[in-house]
Amino acid sequence: MRLIYLMIVLIVTASGIGMAQGTGAMSRSGSGVSLSGKDSLQAPKKSTSKKTNIGGVFVAPTMGISFPTGKFGDLSNSGFFYGAKLEIGYSRLYPFVLGIVFENQSNPGNPEFTTTNFLTQFDTEITYYGASVDIILNKYIKSNFTTPVFSLEGKFANIKRTVAPDTSVPEIPREESMFTYSVGLAFTLYIFDVGGKYTFAGDYSNLTFNAKFHFPLFRF
């Protein structure tokens, strides 16, 4: 089943063509002779065709790899990333698709840092909750093979660190919370996306590469 992005593009395009044809069509009866013997002409009739609006709700699980950057990269290595997005697409909102985001990533400690500080464990787990807006770029960039999608996300992040032994590196907080935002670019291939995004999160900023699958819940 094709992604709602492509479905919206096709529906909007088809509807636009139907409207153009309906408006340009003229109901003609010809130049005939009336009962009084005079020529009569009928005025063109306006089309009564209406533009079709269509939409749906999709769930999009995702998984990938997170690469810490900056200070985060000095303390941690790359780790596993997973999440899910609830997406709402509607032809009237095209080219925008709204979403609700849940994500989680876990990054183990950098071996050099853990060895220097005599640590047996230094894991960082970040959980995100927020919202997103995807912009379907094929309205501006023509492509027959794939659909490029630019994304913006605003997310609240809960950060937890597991350190052993716990008495080491007391200057590093064990728990933090902050607001973050992400920008990304993905390419849609039928029901899944491949792409990446950068999350701006202060000392916890990171770059993620992921694959996302889209499954329909219902349409309206």
N, C-alpha and C. Protein backbone atom coordinates (compact mmCIF):
# COMPACT_ATOMS: atom_id res chain seq x y z
N MET A 1 0.85 -1.21 0.00
CA MET A 1 0.00 0.00 0.00
C MET A 1 0.88 1.25 0.00
N ARG A 2 0.60 2.17 -0.89
CA ARG A 2 1.47 3.33 -1.01
C ARG A 2 1.31 4.25 0.19
N LEU A 3 2.37 4.95 0.46
CA LEU A 3 2.42 5.92 1.55
C LEU A 3 1.41 7.02 1.33
N ILE A 4 0.88 7.57 2.41
CA ILE A 4 -0.14 8.63 2.32
C ILE A 4 0.39 9.85 1.59
N TYR A 5 1.73 10.05 1.64
CA TYR A 5 2.29 11.19 0.92
C TYR A 5 1.95 11.08 -0.56
N LEU A 6 2.26 9.90 -1.14
CA LEU A 6 2.05 9.71 -2.57
C LEU A 6 0.57 9.72 -2.91
N MET A 7 -0.24 9.17 -2.03
CA MET A 7 -1.67 9.15 -2.25
C MET A 7 -2.22 10.57 -2.33
N ILE A 8 -1.75 11.45 -1.45
CA ILE A 8 -2.21 12.83 -1.45
C ILE A 8 -1.80 13.52 -2.74
N VAL A 9 -0.56 13.27 -3.17
CA VAL A 9 -0.08 13.90 -4.40
C VAL A 9 -0.95 13.51 -5.58
N LEU A 10 -1.26 12.20 -5.69
CA LEU A 10 -2.07 11.72 -6.81
C LEU A 10 -3.48 12.28 -6.75
N ILE A 11 -4.07 12.29 -5.56
CA ILE A 11 -5.44 12.79 -5.42
C ILE A 11 -5.52 14.27 -5.76
N VAL A 12 -4.55 15.05 -5.23
CA VAL A 12 -4.58 16.48 -5.50
C VAL A 12 -4.39 16.76 -6.98
N THR A 13 -3.47 16.01 -7.62
CA THR A 13 -3.23 16.21 -9.04
C THR A 13 -4.45 15.86 -9.87
N ALA A 14 -5.05 14.69 -9.55
CA ALA A 14 -6.23 14.25 -10.28
C ALA A 14 -7.39 15.22 -10.09
N SER A 15 -7.54 15.72 -8.85
CA SER A 15 -8.64 16.65 -8.57
C SER A 15 -8.45 17.95 -9.33
N GLY A 16 -7.17 18.41 -9.39
CA GLY A 16 -6.90 19.66 -10.10
C GLY A 16 -7.22 19.54 -11.57
N ILE A 17 -6.88 18.37 -12.17
CA ILE A 17 -7.19 18.15 -13.59
C ILE A 17 -8.70 18.12 -13.80
N GLY A 18 -9.42 17.46 -12.89
CA GLY A 18 -10.87 17.37 -13.01
C GLY A 18 -11.52 18.74 -12.93
N MET A 19 -11.00 19.58 -12.05
CA MET A 19 -11.56 20.92 -11.92
C MET A 19 -11.33 21.73 -13.18
N ALA A 20 -10.10 21.59 -13.75
CA ALA A 20 -9.77 22.36 -14.95
C ALA A 20 -10.65 21.95 -16.11
N GLN A 21 -10.87 20.63 -16.23
CA GLN A 21 -11.70 20.14 -17.32
C GLN A 21 -13.16 20.53 -17.12
N GLY A 22 -13.61 20.47 -15.86
CA GLY A 22 -14.99 20.82 -15.58
C GLY A 22 -15.28 22.27 -15.86
N THR A 23 -14.30 23.15 -15.55
CA THR A 23 -14.50 24.57 -15.75
C THR A 23 -14.46 24.92 -17.22
N GLY A 24 -13.57 24.21 -17.96
CA GLY A 24 -13.42 24.53 -19.37
C GLY A 24 -14.52 23.96 -20.23
N ALA A 25 -15.24 22.97 -19.74
CA ALA A 25 -16.30 22.35 -20.55
C ALA A 25 -17.49 23.28 -20.66
N MET A 26 -18.12 23.30 -21.81
CA MET A 26 -19.26 24.19 -22.03
C MET A 26 -20.44 23.36 -22.55
N SER A 27 -21.59 23.55 -21.92
CA SER A 27 -22.79 22.85 -22.38
C SER A 27 -23.38 23.63 -23.54
N ARG A 28 -23.24 23.04 -24.70
CA ARG A 28 -23.68 23.76 -25.91
C ARG A 28 -24.88 23.05 -26.54
N SER A 29 -25.89 23.82 -26.91
CA SER A 29 -27.05 23.25 -27.61
C SER A 29 -27.03 23.61 -29.08
N GLY A 30 -26.03 24.41 -29.49
CA GLY A 30 -25.93 24.80 -30.90
C GLY A 30 -26.74 26.03 -31.18
N SER A 31 -26.48 26.58 -32.35
CA SER A 31 -27.25 27.75 -32.76
C SER A 31 -28.50 27.26 -33.48
N GLY A 32 -29.61 27.27 -32.79
CA GLY A 32 -30.84 26.72 -33.37
C GLY A 32 -31.85 27.80 -33.66
N VAL A 33 -32.97 27.39 -34.17
CA VAL A 33 -34.05 28.32 -34.48
C VAL A 33 -35.14 28.14 -33.45
N SER A 34 -35.55 29.24 -32.84
CA SER A 34 -36.57 29.17 -31.81
C SER A 34 -37.96 29.13 -32.44
N LEU A 35 -38.96 28.99 -31.57
CA LEU A 35 -40.34 28.94 -32.06
C LEU A 35 -40.73 30.24 -32.73
N SER A 36 -40.08 31.32 -32.33
CA SER A 36 -40.42 32.61 -32.93
C SER A 36 -39.66 32.87 -34.21
N GLY A 37 -38.77 31.92 -34.57
CA GLY A 37 -38.02 32.08 -35.81
C GLY A 37 -36.72 32.80 -35.63
N LYS A 38 -36.37 33.23 -34.42
CA LYS A 38 -35.14 33.94 -34.16
C LYS A 38 -34.09 32.98 -33.64
N ASP A 39 -32.81 33.29 -33.97
CA ASP A 39 -31.71 32.47 -33.46
C ASP A 39 -31.60 32.66 -31.95
N SER A 40 -31.29 31.58 -31.25
CA SER A 40 -31.12 31.66 -29.80
C SER A 40 -29.81 30.98 -29.41
N LEU A 41 -29.17 31.51 -28.41
CA LEU A 41 -27.93 30.96 -27.86
C LEU A 41 -28.11 30.69 -26.38
N GLN A 42 -27.55 29.57 -25.93
CA GLN A 42 -27.62 29.25 -24.50
C GLN A 42 -26.30 29.60 -23.84
N ALA A 43 -26.35 30.21 -22.65
CA ALA A 43 -25.14 30.57 -21.90
C ALA A 43 -24.46 29.32 -21.38
N PRO A 44 -23.13 29.31 -21.32
CA PRO A 44 -22.40 28.15 -20.79
C PRO A 44 -22.80 27.84 -19.35
N LYS A 45 -22.93 26.57 -19.05
CA LYS A 45 -23.28 26.16 -17.69
C LYS A 45 -22.02 25.96 -16.87
N LYS A 46 -22.04 26.38 -15.64
CA LYS A 46 -20.90 26.22 -14.74
C LYS A 46 -20.83 24.78 -14.25
N SER A 47 -19.60 24.29 -14.11
CA SER A 47 -19.39 22.92 -13.65
C SER A 47 -19.74 22.81 -12.17
N THR A 48 -20.35 21.71 -11.81
CA THR A 48 -20.70 21.48 -10.40
C THR A 48 -19.75 20.49 -9.74
N SER A 49 -18.63 20.13 -10.45
CA SER A 49 -17.68 19.18 -9.87
C SER A 49 -17.00 19.78 -8.66
N LYS A 50 -16.73 18.95 -7.67
CA LYS A 50 -16.12 19.39 -6.42
C LYS A 50 -14.78 18.70 -6.23
N LYS A 51 -13.87 19.42 -5.59
CA LYS A 51 -12.55 18.87 -5.30
C LYS A 51 -12.65 17.84 -4.18
N THR A 52 -12.04 16.68 -4.39
CA THR A 52 -12.09 15.62 -3.39
C THR A 52 -10.98 15.80 -2.36
N ASN A 53 -11.31 15.71 -1.09
CA ASN A 53 -10.33 15.79 -0.01
C ASN A 53 -10.20 14.41 0.62
N ILE A 54 -8.98 14.00 0.85
CA ILE A 54 -8.74 12.67 1.40
C ILE A 54 -7.58 12.74 2.38
N GLY A 55 -7.60 11.86 3.36
CA GLY A 55 -6.53 11.84 4.36
C GLY A 55 -6.51 10.53 5.10
N GLY A 56 -5.62 10.43 6.07
CA GLY A 56 -5.51 9.21 6.85
C GLY A 56 -4.56 9.37 8.01
N VAL A 57 -4.56 8.36 8.87
CA VAL A 57 -3.66 8.31 10.03
C VAL A 57 -2.77 7.08 9.88
N PHE A 58 -1.47 7.29 10.01
CA PHE A 58 -0.50 6.23 9.86
C PHE A 58 0.34 6.12 11.14
N VAL A 59 0.82 4.92 11.42
CA VAL A 59 1.82 4.73 12.47
C VAL A 59 3.12 4.35 11.78
N ALA A 60 4.23 4.95 12.22
CA ALA A 60 5.51 4.76 11.55
C ALA A 60 6.59 4.38 12.55
N PRO A 61 6.82 3.07 12.78
CA PRO A 61 7.95 2.65 13.63
C PRO A 61 9.27 2.93 12.92
N THR A 62 10.29 3.22 13.71
CA THR A 62 11.59 3.55 13.15
C THR A 62 12.70 2.94 13.98
N MET A 63 13.84 2.67 13.35
CA MET A 63 15.01 2.18 14.06
C MET A 63 16.26 2.63 13.31
N GLY A 64 17.36 2.74 14.07
CA GLY A 64 18.58 3.20 13.44
C GLY A 64 19.73 3.27 14.41
N ILE A 65 20.72 4.09 14.07
CA ILE A 65 21.93 4.25 14.88
C ILE A 65 22.13 5.72 15.19
N SER A 66 22.45 6.01 16.45
CA SER A 66 22.68 7.37 16.90
C SER A 66 24.18 7.59 17.14
N PHE A 67 24.72 8.68 16.56
CA PHE A 67 26.13 9.01 16.72
C PHE A 67 26.26 10.30 17.54
N PRO A 68 26.78 10.20 18.77
CA PRO A 68 26.96 11.40 19.60
C PRO A 68 27.95 12.37 18.97
N THR A 69 27.72 13.66 19.15
CA THR A 69 28.63 14.68 18.64
C THR A 69 29.05 15.61 19.78
N GLY A 70 30.12 16.39 19.55
CA GLY A 70 30.58 17.35 20.54
C GLY A 70 30.99 16.69 21.85
N LYS A 71 30.58 17.30 22.95
CA LYS A 71 30.91 16.78 24.27
C LYS A 71 30.32 15.39 24.49
N PHE A 72 29.13 15.17 23.97
CA PHE A 72 28.49 13.86 24.07
C PHE A 72 29.37 12.79 23.39
N GLY A 73 29.97 13.14 22.27
CA GLY A 73 30.83 12.22 21.56
C GLY A 73 32.12 11.91 22.28
N ASP A 74 32.58 12.84 23.15
CA ASP A 74 33.79 12.59 23.94
C ASP A 74 33.54 11.56 25.03
N LEU A 75 32.29 11.45 25.48
CA LEU A 75 31.98 10.57 26.60
C LEU A 75 31.32 9.26 26.17
N SER A 76 30.69 9.24 25.00
CA SER A 76 29.88 8.08 24.61
C SER A 76 30.16 7.65 23.18
N ASN A 77 29.82 6.40 22.90
CA ASN A 77 29.93 5.85 21.56
C ASN A 77 28.57 5.81 20.88
N SER A 78 28.54 5.39 19.62
CA SER A 78 27.28 5.24 18.90
C SER A 78 26.42 4.18 19.57
N GLY A 79 25.10 4.32 19.42
CA GLY A 79 24.20 3.39 20.07
C GLY A 79 22.93 3.16 19.28
N PHE A 80 22.09 2.27 19.78
CA PHE A 80 20.86 1.88 19.09
C PHE A 80 19.79 2.95 19.31
N PHE A 81 19.00 3.17 18.26
CA PHE A 81 17.94 4.17 18.28
C PHE A 81 16.65 3.52 17.77
N TYR A 82 15.52 3.78 18.46
CA TYR A 82 14.23 3.29 17.97
C TYR A 82 13.14 4.27 18.38
N GLY A 83 11.98 4.14 17.75
CA GLY A 83 10.89 5.04 18.07
C GLY A 83 9.67 4.77 17.21
N ALA A 84 8.71 5.67 17.29
CA ALA A 84 7.49 5.56 16.50
C ALA A 84 6.88 6.95 16.35
N LYS A 85 6.19 7.13 15.22
CA LYS A 85 5.53 8.41 14.96
C LYS A 85 4.10 8.14 14.51
N LEU A 86 3.16 8.90 15.05
CA LEU A 86 1.77 8.86 14.61
C LEU A 86 1.59 10.02 13.64
N GLU A 87 1.28 9.70 12.38
CA GLU A 87 1.24 10.71 11.33
C GLU A 87 -0.20 10.96 10.86
N ILE A 88 -0.48 12.23 10.59
CA ILE A 88 -1.80 12.62 10.08
C ILE A 88 -1.59 13.36 8.78
N GLY A 89 -2.08 12.77 7.68
CA GLY A 89 -1.98 13.39 6.37
C GLY A 89 -3.36 13.76 5.83
N TYR A 90 -3.45 14.94 5.21
CA TYR A 90 -4.73 15.39 4.67
C TYR A 90 -4.45 16.24 3.44
N SER A 91 -5.22 16.05 2.39
CA SER A 91 -4.93 16.74 1.13
C SER A 91 -4.99 18.27 1.28
N ARG A 92 -5.82 18.78 2.16
CA ARG A 92 -5.90 20.22 2.35
C ARG A 92 -4.64 20.78 3.01
N LEU A 93 -3.89 19.92 3.72
CA LEU A 93 -2.66 20.35 4.37
C LEU A 93 -1.43 20.17 3.48
N TYR A 94 -1.59 19.49 2.35
CA TYR A 94 -0.47 19.22 1.46
C TYR A 94 0.29 20.49 1.11
N PRO A 95 1.65 20.51 1.23
CA PRO A 95 2.56 19.37 1.37
C PRO A 95 2.99 19.06 2.81
N PHE A 96 2.18 19.41 3.80
CA PHE A 96 2.57 19.20 5.20
C PHE A 96 1.90 17.96 5.77
N VAL A 97 2.65 17.21 6.58
CA VAL A 97 2.13 16.06 7.32
C VAL A 97 2.50 16.25 8.78
N LEU A 98 1.51 16.21 9.67
CA LEU A 98 1.73 16.43 11.10
C LEU A 98 1.98 15.10 11.81
N GLY A 99 2.72 15.16 12.91
CA GLY A 99 3.03 13.92 13.62
C GLY A 99 3.24 14.11 15.12
N ILE A 100 3.09 13.00 15.85
CA ILE A 100 3.41 12.93 17.28
C ILE A 100 4.53 11.91 17.43
N VAL A 101 5.61 12.28 18.14
CA VAL A 101 6.84 11.51 18.12
C VAL A 101 7.17 10.91 19.49
N PHE A 102 7.59 9.63 19.47
CA PHE A 102 8.23 9.00 20.63
C PHE A 102 9.52 8.36 20.15
N GLU A 103 10.63 8.60 20.86
CA GLU A 103 11.92 8.04 20.47
C GLU A 103 12.75 7.69 21.70
N ASN A 104 13.65 6.74 21.52
CA ASN A 104 14.56 6.34 22.59
C ASN A 104 15.91 5.95 22.00
N GLN A 105 16.98 6.37 22.65
CA GLN A 105 18.31 5.97 22.22
C GLN A 105 19.15 5.61 23.44
N SER A 106 20.08 4.68 23.25
CA SER A 106 20.96 4.24 24.33
C SER A 106 22.39 4.21 23.80
N ASN A 107 23.28 4.95 24.48
CA ASN A 107 24.67 5.06 24.04
C ASN A 107 25.62 4.60 25.14
N PRO A 108 26.45 3.60 24.85
CA PRO A 108 27.43 3.15 25.85
C PRO A 108 28.57 4.15 25.98
N GLY A 109 29.32 4.03 27.07
CA GLY A 109 30.43 4.94 27.31
C GLY A 109 31.59 4.74 26.36
N ASN A 110 32.31 5.82 26.10
CA ASN A 110 33.53 5.75 25.31
C ASN A 110 34.58 4.96 26.09
N PRO A 111 35.20 3.91 25.51
CA PRO A 111 36.17 3.09 26.24
C PRO A 111 37.32 3.89 26.84
N GLU A 112 37.78 4.91 26.13
CA GLU A 112 38.87 5.73 26.66
C GLU A 112 38.44 6.47 27.92
N PHE A 113 37.21 7.00 27.90
CA PHE A 113 36.70 7.72 29.07
C PHE A 113 36.47 6.78 30.24
N THR A 114 35.86 5.63 29.99
CA THR A 114 35.59 4.69 31.08
C THR A 114 36.87 4.13 31.70
N THR A 115 37.87 3.88 30.87
CA THR A 115 39.14 3.35 31.39
C THR A 115 39.86 4.40 32.23
N THR A 116 39.89 5.64 31.73
CA THR A 116 40.56 6.73 32.45
C THR A 116 39.93 6.96 33.82
N ASN A 117 38.61 6.80 33.90
CA ASN A 117 37.90 7.08 35.15
C ASN A 117 37.57 5.81 35.93
N PHE A 118 38.18 4.67 35.55
CA PHE A 118 38.02 3.40 36.26
C PHE A 118 36.55 3.00 36.39
N LEU A 119 35.83 3.13 35.29
CA LEU A 119 34.41 2.81 35.28
C LEU A 119 34.18 1.44 34.64
N THR A 120 33.22 0.73 35.17
CA THR A 120 32.79 -0.52 34.54
C THR A 120 31.54 -0.32 33.69
N GLN A 121 30.84 0.79 33.89
CA GLN A 121 29.64 1.08 33.12
C GLN A 121 29.41 2.58 33.05
N PHE A 122 29.07 3.06 31.86
CA PHE A 122 28.72 4.46 31.68
C PHE A 122 27.76 4.55 30.49
N ASP A 123 26.49 4.31 30.75
CA ASP A 123 25.46 4.27 29.70
C ASP A 123 24.57 5.51 29.78
N THR A 124 24.25 6.04 28.64
CA THR A 124 23.35 7.20 28.56
C THR A 124 22.11 6.81 27.79
N GLU A 125 20.95 6.99 28.39
CA GLU A 125 19.66 6.72 27.75
C GLU A 125 18.86 8.00 27.65
N ILE A 126 18.37 8.29 26.44
CA ILE A 126 17.58 9.51 26.21
C ILE A 126 16.22 9.11 25.63
N THR A 127 15.16 9.61 26.25
CA THR A 127 13.80 9.37 25.78
C THR A 127 13.18 10.69 25.35
N TYR A 128 12.61 10.72 24.15
CA TYR A 128 12.04 11.94 23.59
C TYR A 128 10.52 11.81 23.43
N TYR A 129 9.82 12.92 23.68
CA TYR A 129 8.38 13.04 23.40
C TYR A 129 8.16 14.39 22.72
N GLY A 130 7.42 14.40 21.63
CA GLY A 130 7.20 15.69 20.98
C GLY A 130 6.32 15.62 19.76
N ALA A 131 6.47 16.62 18.90
CA ALA A 131 5.65 16.74 17.69
C ALA A 131 6.55 17.04 16.50
N SER A 132 6.00 16.79 15.30
CA SER A 132 6.79 16.98 14.09
C SER A 132 5.94 17.54 12.96
N VAL A 133 6.63 18.14 12.00
CA VAL A 133 6.01 18.57 10.74
C VAL A 133 6.91 18.08 9.61
N ASP A 134 6.36 17.26 8.72
CA ASP A 134 7.09 16.81 7.54
C ASP A 134 6.63 17.63 6.33
N ILE A 135 7.58 18.02 5.50
CA ILE A 135 7.28 18.79 4.30
C ILE A 135 7.63 17.94 3.08
N ILE A 136 6.63 17.62 2.27
CA ILE A 136 6.83 16.77 1.10
C ILE A 136 7.42 17.62 -0.03
N LEU A 137 8.67 17.38 -0.37
CA LEU A 137 9.39 18.27 -1.28
C LEU A 137 9.10 18.02 -2.75
N ASN A 138 8.36 16.95 -3.09
CA ASN A 138 8.11 16.72 -4.51
C ASN A 138 7.13 17.74 -5.09
N LYS A 139 6.59 18.59 -4.24
CA LYS A 139 5.81 19.71 -4.75
C LYS A 139 6.74 20.74 -5.39
N TYR A 140 8.00 20.73 -4.93
CA TYR A 140 8.98 21.69 -5.43
C TYR A 140 10.12 21.02 -6.22
N ILE A 141 10.42 19.74 -5.88
CA ILE A 141 11.48 18.99 -6.55
C ILE A 141 10.85 17.79 -7.23
N LYS A 142 10.87 17.74 -8.55
CA LYS A 142 10.24 16.65 -9.29
C LYS A 142 11.13 15.41 -9.26
N SER A 143 10.54 14.27 -8.88
CA SER A 143 11.28 13.01 -8.84
C SER A 143 10.32 11.87 -9.09
N ASN A 144 10.66 11.00 -10.04
CA ASN A 144 9.82 9.86 -10.37
C ASN A 144 10.18 8.62 -9.56
N PHE A 145 11.38 8.60 -8.98
CA PHE A 145 11.86 7.41 -8.29
C PHE A 145 11.53 7.43 -6.80
N THR A 146 11.64 8.58 -6.17
CA THR A 146 11.44 8.66 -4.73
C THR A 146 10.83 10.00 -4.37
N THR A 147 10.40 10.12 -3.11
CA THR A 147 9.82 11.35 -2.60
C THR A 147 10.69 11.91 -1.48
N PRO A 148 11.40 13.02 -1.69
CA PRO A 148 12.19 13.61 -0.60
C PRO A 148 11.29 14.32 0.40
N VAL A 149 11.61 14.14 1.69
CA VAL A 149 10.79 14.72 2.76
C VAL A 149 11.71 15.43 3.76
N PHE A 150 11.45 16.69 4.00
CA PHE A 150 12.19 17.47 5.00
C PHE A 150 11.37 17.49 6.29
N SER A 151 12.01 17.27 7.43
CA SER A 151 11.27 17.17 8.70
C SER A 151 11.80 18.14 9.74
N LEU A 152 10.89 18.63 10.56
CA LEU A 152 11.20 19.46 11.72
C LEU A 152 10.53 18.84 12.94
N GLU A 153 11.27 18.72 14.05
CA GLU A 153 10.72 18.13 15.27
C GLU A 153 11.06 18.99 16.48
N GLY A 154 10.10 19.13 17.37
CA GLY A 154 10.33 19.74 18.67
C GLY A 154 10.02 18.70 19.74
N LYS A 155 11.01 18.40 20.61
CA LYS A 155 10.85 17.28 21.53
C LYS A 155 11.36 17.61 22.92
N PHE A 156 10.69 17.06 23.92
CA PHE A 156 11.15 17.13 25.31
C PHE A 156 11.96 15.87 25.59
N ALA A 157 13.17 16.02 26.14
CA ALA A 157 14.07 14.89 26.35
C ALA A 157 14.31 14.64 27.83
N ASN A 158 14.21 13.36 28.22
CA ASN A 158 14.61 12.91 29.55
C ASN A 158 15.91 12.12 29.42
N ILE A 159 16.97 12.55 30.11
CA ILE A 159 18.27 11.91 30.02
C ILE A 159 18.59 11.22 31.35
N LYS A 160 18.99 9.94 31.26
CA LYS A 160 19.40 9.18 32.43
C LYS A 160 20.73 8.51 32.16
N ARG A 161 21.63 8.61 33.14
CA ARG A 161 22.93 7.96 33.02
C ARG A 161 23.09 6.91 34.10
N THR A 162 23.60 5.75 33.67
CA THR A 162 23.91 4.67 34.60
C THR A 162 25.42 4.57 34.70
N VAL A 163 25.95 4.85 35.90
CA VAL A 163 27.39 4.90 36.13
C VAL A 163 27.77 3.90 37.21
N ALA A 164 28.80 3.11 36.95
CA ALA A 164 29.30 2.17 37.96
C ALA A 164 30.83 2.16 37.92
N PRO A 165 31.45 2.28 39.12
CA PRO A 165 30.80 2.53 40.42
C PRO A 165 30.23 3.95 40.49
N ASP A 166 29.15 4.09 41.22
CA ASP A 166 28.37 5.32 41.21
C ASP A 166 29.11 6.50 41.82
N THR A 167 30.13 6.25 42.61
CA THR A 167 30.85 7.34 43.27
C THR A 167 31.84 8.04 42.34
N SER A 168 32.10 7.46 41.18
CA SER A 168 33.04 8.06 40.23
C SER A 168 32.41 9.22 39.47
N VAL A 169 33.26 10.09 38.94
CA VAL A 169 32.88 11.28 38.16
C VAL A 169 31.62 11.96 38.70
N PRO A 170 31.68 12.48 39.93
CA PRO A 170 30.49 13.11 40.52
C PRO A 170 30.03 14.36 39.78
N GLU A 171 30.92 14.99 38.97
CA GLU A 171 30.55 16.22 38.27
C GLU A 171 29.60 15.97 37.10
N ILE A 172 29.42 14.72 36.72
CA ILE A 172 28.51 14.40 35.61
C ILE A 172 27.13 14.08 36.17
N PRO A 173 26.10 14.84 35.77
CA PRO A 173 24.75 14.60 36.29
C PRO A 173 24.20 13.24 35.87
N ARG A 174 23.42 12.63 36.75
CA ARG A 174 22.83 11.33 36.45
C ARG A 174 21.50 11.47 35.71
N GLU A 175 20.79 12.58 35.92
CA GLU A 175 19.50 12.81 35.26
C GLU A 175 19.38 14.27 34.85
N GLU A 176 18.82 14.49 33.66
CA GLU A 176 18.57 15.84 33.16
C GLU A 176 17.32 15.83 32.28
N SER A 177 16.73 17.00 32.11
CA SER A 177 15.59 17.16 31.21
C SER A 177 15.79 18.45 30.44
N MET A 178 15.39 18.46 29.17
CA MET A 178 15.55 19.66 28.35
C MET A 178 14.67 19.59 27.12
N PHE A 179 14.48 20.75 26.49
CA PHE A 179 13.77 20.81 25.22
C PHE A 179 14.79 20.72 24.10
N THR A 180 14.50 19.92 23.09
CA THR A 180 15.40 19.75 21.95
C THR A 180 14.63 19.95 20.65
N TYR A 181 15.36 20.10 19.55
CA TYR A 181 14.72 20.13 18.25
C TYR A 181 15.61 19.44 17.23
N SER A 182 14.99 18.91 16.18
CA SER A 182 15.71 18.15 15.17
C SER A 182 15.32 18.62 13.77
N VAL A 183 16.27 18.52 12.86
CA VAL A 183 16.00 18.76 11.44
C VAL A 183 16.51 17.53 10.68
N GLY A 184 15.76 17.11 9.68
CA GLY A 184 16.16 15.89 8.98
C GLY A 184 15.71 15.87 7.53
N LEU A 185 16.27 14.93 6.80
CA LEU A 185 15.91 14.72 5.40
C LEU A 185 15.81 13.22 5.15
N ALA A 186 14.71 12.79 4.56
CA ALA A 186 14.50 11.38 4.27
C ALA A 186 14.00 11.21 2.84
N PHE A 187 14.08 9.97 2.34
CA PHE A 187 13.61 9.66 0.99
C PHE A 187 12.66 8.48 1.08
N THR A 188 11.44 8.69 0.61
CA THR A 188 10.39 7.68 0.69
C THR A 188 10.48 6.71 -0.48
N LEU A 189 10.48 5.42 -0.16
CA LEU A 189 10.47 4.36 -1.15
C LEU A 189 9.30 3.44 -0.84
N TYR A 190 8.17 3.67 -1.51
CA TYR A 190 6.94 2.92 -1.27
C TYR A 190 6.48 3.09 0.18
N ILE A 191 6.62 2.06 1.05
CA ILE A 191 6.08 2.19 2.41
C ILE A 191 7.15 2.49 3.44
N PHE A 192 8.39 2.71 3.04
CA PHE A 192 9.41 3.01 4.05
C PHE A 192 10.29 4.17 3.62
N ASP A 193 10.90 4.82 4.62
CA ASP A 193 11.81 5.93 4.41
C ASP A 193 13.21 5.53 4.86
N VAL A 194 14.21 6.11 4.23
CA VAL A 194 15.58 6.04 4.71
C VAL A 194 16.09 7.47 4.77
N GLY A 195 16.81 7.81 5.85
CA GLY A 195 17.27 9.18 5.98
C GLY A 195 18.04 9.40 7.26
N GLY A 196 18.23 10.65 7.58
CA GLY A 196 18.95 11.01 8.79
C GLY A 196 18.46 12.33 9.34
N LYS A 197 18.84 12.62 10.56
CA LYS A 197 18.48 13.90 11.18
C LYS A 197 19.49 14.25 12.26
N TYR A 198 19.58 15.54 12.52
CA TYR A 198 20.47 16.02 13.58
C TYR A 198 19.62 16.61 14.69
N THR A 199 19.88 16.16 15.91
CA THR A 199 19.13 16.64 17.07
C THR A 199 19.99 17.61 17.87
N PHE A 200 19.51 18.83 18.01
CA PHE A 200 20.20 19.85 18.79
C PHE A 200 19.76 19.73 20.24
N ALA A 201 20.66 19.23 21.09
CA ALA A 201 20.31 18.97 22.48
C ALA A 201 21.44 19.36 23.43
N GLY A 202 22.10 20.46 23.15
CA GLY A 202 23.18 20.92 24.03
C GLY A 202 24.31 19.92 24.11
N ASP A 203 24.65 19.50 25.33
CA ASP A 203 25.72 18.52 25.54
C ASP A 203 25.35 17.12 25.11
N TYR A 204 24.12 16.93 24.63
CA TYR A 204 23.66 15.60 24.20
C TYR A 204 23.27 15.58 22.72
N SER A 205 23.77 16.52 21.95
CA SER A 205 23.45 16.58 20.52
C SER A 205 23.97 15.33 19.82
N ASN A 206 23.23 14.90 18.79
CA ASN A 206 23.61 13.67 18.10
C ASN A 206 23.04 13.63 16.69
N LEU A 207 23.68 12.80 15.87
CA LEU A 207 23.26 12.57 14.49
C LEU A 207 22.72 11.16 14.37
N THR A 208 21.54 11.02 13.77
CA THR A 208 20.89 9.71 13.67
C THR A 208 20.62 9.35 12.22
N PHE A 209 20.93 8.10 11.86
CA PHE A 209 20.55 7.54 10.57
C PHE A 209 19.55 6.42 10.84
N ASN A 210 18.43 6.43 10.12
CA ASN A 210 17.37 5.47 10.45
C ASN A 210 16.55 5.06 9.24
N ALA A 211 15.78 4.01 9.43
CA ALA A 211 14.79 3.53 8.47
C ALA A 211 13.43 3.55 9.14
N LYS A 212 12.43 3.98 8.41
CA LYS A 212 11.08 4.13 8.97
C LYS A 212 10.06 3.46 8.06
N PHE A 213 9.14 2.71 8.67
CA PHE A 213 8.08 2.04 7.93
C PHE A 213 6.74 2.69 8.25
N HIS A 214 5.85 2.77 7.25
CA HIS A 214 4.55 3.43 7.42
C HIS A 214 3.43 2.42 7.26
N PHE A 215 2.56 2.32 8.26
CA PHE A 215 1.42 1.41 8.21
C PHE A 215 0.14 2.19 8.47
N PRO A 216 -0.88 2.02 7.63
CA PRO A 216 -2.14 2.77 7.81
C PRO A 216 -2.97 2.24 8.96
N LEU A 217 -3.52 3.16 9.75
CA LEU A 217 -4.48 2.79 10.80
C LEU A 217 -5.90 2.95 10.27
N PHE A 218 -6.20 4.12 9.71
CA PHE A 218 -7.49 4.30 9.05
C PHE A 218 -7.39 5.52 8.13
N ARG A 219 -8.35 5.63 7.22
CA ARG A 219 -8.40 6.75 6.28
C ARG A 219 -9.73 7.48 6.42
N PHE A 220 -9.72 8.72 6.01
CA PHE A 220 -10.95 9.52 6.06
C PHE A 220 -11.01 10.43 4.86
